[in-house]
């Protein structure tokens, strides 16, 4: 199977942080084999571990998924948005995943008119 852009971004981010596959696996809570699969395009359980992976690699999930050039232009943040971001960054990877799932569910709900 050929390497995908996502696989290359994961590998490059790991190397930029100076981590081995073993070290990344331990920090995310997976096996070294799982990391090797991610880095060769055999994604496996990547979505389940994406928040933790991004946190350990100190990059946004969007950067891993789409690359820096694939992001939407930055928008001015409100004080509330900045506070949420600061609090989010202080959470554990597991809590970040929970918060992201909750926010996605809430965003799907229609606001009352």
C-alpha atoms as a PDB file:
ATOM      1  CA  UNK A   1       0.000   0.000   0.000  1.00  0.00           C
ATOM      2  CA  UNK A   2       1.376   3.401  -0.929  1.00  0.00           C
ATOM      3  CA  UNK A   3       1.997   6.155   1.554  1.00  0.00           C
ATOM      4  CA  UNK A   4      -0.789   8.736   1.801  1.00  0.00           C
ATOM      5  CA  UNK A   5      -0.390  12.445   2.540  1.00  0.00           C
ATOM      6  CA  UNK A   6      -1.911  11.777   5.983  1.00  0.00           C
ATOM      7  CA  UNK A   7       0.660   9.045   6.648  1.00  0.00           C
ATOM      8  CA  UNK A   8       3.472  11.393   5.650  1.00  0.00           C
ATOM      9  CA  UNK A   9       2.123  14.181   7.891  1.00  0.00           C
ATOM     10  CA  UNK A  10       1.987  11.820  10.878  1.00  0.00           C
ATOM     11  CA  UNK A  11       5.519  10.570  10.239  1.00  0.00           C
ATOM     12  CA  UNK A  12       6.882  14.069   9.654  1.00  0.00           C
ATOM     13  CA  UNK A  13       5.212  15.451  12.793  1.00  0.00           C
ATOM     14  CA  UNK A  14       6.600  12.553  14.859  1.00  0.00           C
ATOM     15  CA  UNK A  15      10.095  13.122  13.540  1.00  0.00           C
ATOM     16  CA  UNK A  16       9.813  16.891  14.087  1.00  0.00           C
ATOM     17  CA  UNK A  17       9.048  16.179  17.757  1.00  0.00           C
ATOM     18  CA  UNK A  18      12.066  13.861  17.921  1.00  0.00           C
ATOM     19  CA  UNK A  19       9.980  10.820  18.838  1.00  0.00           C
ATOM     20  CA  UNK A  20      10.474   7.213  17.837  1.00  0.00           C
ATOM     21  CA  UNK A  21       7.495   5.129  16.802  1.00  0.00           C
ATOM     22  CA  UNK A  22       7.737   3.361  20.172  1.00  0.00           C
ATOM     23  CA  UNK A  23       7.703   6.645  22.102  1.00  0.00           C
ATOM     24  CA  UNK A  24       4.729   7.963  20.142  1.00  0.00           C
ATOM     25  CA  UNK A  25       2.862   4.707  20.600  1.00  0.00           C
ATOM     26  CA  UNK A  26       3.415   4.755  24.350  1.00  0.00           C
ATOM     27  CA  UNK A  27       2.324   8.408  24.635  1.00  0.00           C
ATOM     28  CA  UNK A  28      -0.868   7.794  22.630  1.00  0.00           C
ATOM     29  CA  UNK A  29      -1.621   4.429  24.258  1.00  0.00           C
ATOM     30  CA  UNK A  30      -1.291   2.174  21.221  1.00  0.00           C
ATOM     31  CA  UNK A  31       1.237  -0.340  19.932  1.00  0.00           C
ATOM     32  CA  UNK A  32       4.268   0.557  17.830  1.00  0.00           C
ATOM     33  CA  UNK A  33       2.660  -1.524  15.094  1.00  0.00           C
ATOM     34  CA  UNK A  34      -0.356   0.820  15.086  1.00  0.00           C
ATOM     35  CA  UNK A  35       1.922   3.831  14.604  1.00  0.00           C
ATOM     36  CA  UNK A  36       3.745   2.019  11.798  1.00  0.00           C
ATOM     37  CA  UNK A  37       0.395   1.305  10.128  1.00  0.00           C
ATOM     38  CA  UNK A  38      -0.639   4.965  10.403  1.00  0.00           C
ATOM     39  CA  UNK A  39       2.655   6.013   8.837  1.00  0.00           C
ATOM     40  CA  UNK A  40       2.259   3.647   5.895  1.00  0.00           C
ATOM     41  CA  UNK A  41      -1.351   4.498   5.098  1.00  0.00           C
ATOM     42  CA  UNK A  42      -3.017   1.501   6.725  1.00  0.00           C
ATOM     43  CA  UNK A  43      -4.992   3.747   9.104  1.00  0.00           C
ATOM     44  CA  UNK A  44      -6.567   1.119  11.366  1.00  0.00           C
ATOM     45  CA  UNK A  45      -7.924   2.823  14.495  1.00  0.00           C
ATOM     46  CA  UNK A  46      -6.624   6.288  13.612  1.00  0.00           C
ATOM     47  CA  UNK A  47      -9.876   8.207  14.086  1.00  0.00           C
ATOM     48  CA  UNK A  48     -10.296   6.783  17.556  1.00  0.00           C
ATOM     49  CA  UNK A  49      -6.845   8.082  18.536  1.00  0.00           C
ATOM     50  CA  UNK A  50      -6.684  11.260  16.450  1.00  0.00           C
ATOM     51  CA  UNK A  51      -7.175  13.704  19.351  1.00  0.00           C
ATOM     52  CA  UNK A  52      -4.491  12.016  21.458  1.00  0.00           C
ATOM     53  CA  UNK A  53      -2.143  11.758  18.479  1.00  0.00           C
ATOM     54  CA  UNK A  54      -2.532  15.450  17.670  1.00  0.00           C
ATOM     55  CA  UNK A  55      -2.007  16.402  21.323  1.00  0.00           C
ATOM     56  CA  UNK A  56       1.191  14.374  21.637  1.00  0.00           C
ATOM     57  CA  UNK A  57       2.516  15.717  18.339  1.00  0.00           C
ATOM     58  CA  UNK A  58       1.461  19.240  19.345  1.00  0.00           C
ATOM     59  CA  UNK A  59      -0.409  19.908  16.103  1.00  0.00           C
ATOM     60  CA  UNK A  60      -4.068  20.429  15.364  1.00  0.00           C
ATOM     61  CA  UNK A  61      -6.158  17.528  14.169  1.00  0.00           C
ATOM     62  CA  UNK A  62      -6.927  19.571  11.045  1.00  0.00           C
ATOM     63  CA  UNK A  63      -3.222  19.881  10.297  1.00  0.00           C
ATOM     64  CA  UNK A  64      -2.805  16.102  10.490  1.00  0.00           C
ATOM     65  CA  UNK A  65      -5.894  15.449   8.391  1.00  0.00           C
ATOM     66  CA  UNK A  66      -5.557  18.184   5.796  1.00  0.00           C
ATOM     67  CA  UNK A  67      -2.126  19.780   6.155  1.00  0.00           C
ATOM     68  CA  UNK A  68      -1.384  23.370   7.102  1.00  0.00           C
ATOM     69  CA  UNK A  69      -2.296  24.631   3.643  1.00  0.00           C
ATOM     70  CA  UNK A  70      -5.688  22.873   3.789  1.00  0.00           C
ATOM     71  CA  UNK A  71      -6.964  24.877   6.737  1.00  0.00           C
ATOM     72  CA  UNK A  72      -9.602  27.559   6.455  1.00  0.00           C
ATOM     73  CA  UNK A  73      -8.358  31.124   6.847  1.00  0.00           C
ATOM     74  CA  UNK A  74      -8.032  32.204  10.453  1.00  0.00           C
ATOM     75  CA  UNK A  75     -10.938  34.161  11.866  1.00  0.00           C
ATOM     76  CA  UNK A  76     -10.856  36.665  14.682  1.00  0.00           C
ATOM     77  CA  UNK A  77     -11.520  34.844  17.936  1.00  0.00           C
ATOM     78  CA  UNK A  78     -13.784  36.139  20.658  1.00  0.00           C
ATOM     79  CA  UNK A  79     -12.714  36.114  24.293  1.00  0.00           C
ATOM     80  CA  UNK A  80     -14.982  33.108  24.884  1.00  0.00           C
ATOM     81  CA  UNK A  81     -13.384  31.199  22.006  1.00  0.00           C
ATOM     82  CA  UNK A  82      -9.912  31.930  23.310  1.00  0.00           C
ATOM     83  CA  UNK A  83     -10.930  30.833  26.808  1.00  0.00           C
ATOM     84  CA  UNK A  84     -12.357  27.590  25.410  1.00  0.00           C
ATOM     85  CA  UNK A  85      -9.165  26.957  23.463  1.00  0.00           C
ATOM     86  CA  UNK A  86      -6.998  27.587  26.530  1.00  0.00           C
ATOM     87  CA  UNK A  87      -9.108  25.223  28.653  1.00  0.00           C
ATOM     88  CA  UNK A  88      -9.171  22.618  25.884  1.00  0.00           C
ATOM     89  CA  UNK A  89      -5.373  22.635  25.717  1.00  0.00           C
ATOM     90  CA  UNK A  90      -5.185  21.978  29.453  1.00  0.00           C
ATOM     91  CA  UNK A  91      -7.293  18.807  29.167  1.00  0.00           C
ATOM     92  CA  UNK A  92      -5.973  15.287  28.901  1.00  0.00           C
ATOM     93  CA  UNK A  93      -6.080  13.710  25.417  1.00  0.00           C
ATOM     94  CA  UNK A  94      -9.008  11.549  26.536  1.00  0.00           C
ATOM     95  CA  UNK A  95     -10.957  14.584  27.756  1.00  0.00           C
ATOM     96  CA  UNK A  96     -10.165  16.420  24.522  1.00  0.00           C
ATOM     97  CA  UNK A  97     -11.712  13.558  22.583  1.00  0.00           C
ATOM     98  CA  UNK A  98     -14.808  13.669  24.788  1.00  0.00           C
ATOM     99  CA  UNK A  99     -15.126  17.433  24.348  1.00  0.00           C
ATOM    100  CA  UNK A 100     -14.765  17.173  20.565  1.00  0.00           C
ATOM    101  CA  UNK A 101     -17.430  14.463  20.332  1.00  0.00           C
ATOM    102  CA  UNK A 102     -19.766  16.510  22.520  1.00  0.00           C
ATOM    103  CA  UNK A 103     -19.202  19.701  20.514  1.00  0.00           C
ATOM    104  CA  UNK A 104     -19.833  17.861  17.244  1.00  0.00           C
ATOM    105  CA  UNK A 105     -23.130  16.498  18.595  1.00  0.00           C
ATOM    106  CA  UNK A 106     -24.153  19.923  19.850  1.00  0.00           C
ATOM    107  CA  UNK A 107     -23.276  21.567  16.522  1.00  0.00           C
ATOM    108  CA  UNK A 108     -25.639  19.163  14.732  1.00  0.00           C
ATOM    109  CA  UNK A 109     -28.566  20.295  16.891  1.00  0.00           C
ATOM    110  CA  UNK A 110     -30.604  23.089  15.404  1.00  0.00           C
ATOM    111  CA  UNK A 111     -30.772  26.253  17.438  1.00  0.00           C
ATOM    112  CA  UNK A 112     -34.340  27.245  18.359  1.00  0.00           C
ATOM    113  CA  UNK A 113     -35.706  30.056  16.225  1.00  0.00           C
END
